[in-house]
Amino acid sequence: MADAKKTTDVPSEVENEIVNAEAAEVVAEKAEVKTAKAGKRSAKAVAEAEAEAAKEERKIARAESEAEEEQKPKQHSNPTRSRLERRGKAYRKAAESVEAGKAYALKDALELATKTSAVKFDASVELHVNLGVDPRQADQNIRTSLVLPQGTGKTVRVAVFADENTEGADLSGVENITKELEKGAINFDILISSPANMAKLGKYARLLGPRGLMPNPKSGTVTTDIAKAVAEAKAGRVEFRVDSTGIVHLGVGKVSFGGQGLLENANAVMNSIRAAKPASVKGNYVKAIHVTTTMGPSITVSTNE
């Protein structure tokens, strides 16, 4: 009898375990539903959120890796050629005449410039002077004009904004010039005005200013002696001023002038630059000088002269 009872109890225990497991599952499901309804994320939602976070981390890591690659210097299969190597054959041949690292005397530099011009036209010879000034300071913003002894080598068209006609001017008369400016036409290289008529040019400042044609007393284009100003403009009067980096750029003639003619003009420019030295500038005033021709190599000039 005892064995029979024992045999009967075994299925009962198994059944109880099954019932308890089923009950646990039901409780878990109810708890999950309860937490979802209470606003908490389900297990499935948590898993999806973790997967999304892992995906974002991979994106960030990829972006950081790409940024690092961009910052690394790119390796070219072919090495970059120097600036001289990228020039034309005529320029490279002319540049061979200029000794690298040497500072020439002004006379020698101008002579050499006439020989290194490889173009077929009468090239301009330019003087570039780096000054130890700060153009942001009003007293160091150098601007002046002078008449080149040998002229500029260019044909200059002069217009005179005055009531009377002026001998030697290519265009003169307030009404005549006003009509041209109303059309936006500029048929002159230099505009000279009398002080009394400057107010009438105010409305054309946006047209003339960017082209450097607005008359200015400092450049000698606003004056009562109109005839003298016209004669000087025709003879080779030039204006120069420092740019935002403190450098003066000015043409001093043509290759056809020869070394001596260019030297006279260049000396006149350098004397004018030295005479315009501001009192507030201390130390080295002329920092560097270079001579070059149109499309020609640059020649360094000694600043010790």
Foldseek 3Di string as FASTA:
>chain_A
DVVVVVVVVVVVVVVVVVVVVVVVVVVVVVVQVVCVVVVHDHPVVVVVVVVVVVVVVVVVVVVVVVVVVVPDDDDDPDDDDDPLVPDDPLQVVLCVVADPPDAAALLVQLQSQLVSDRDPDFWFKKKKFAWPFQCVDVLRFDKAKDFFPQAAADQFAEEEQDCDDAPLHNHYHNVVVVVCVVVLHDDGDEYAYEPVCLVVCVVSCVSQVVSVHRDDVRQVRYHPCVRVSSVRVRRHMDMWTADNRRMIMDTQYTSVCHSVSSVSSVVVVVVVQVVSDGPPDDDTTTDWMWMHIVVHDIHTHDPPD
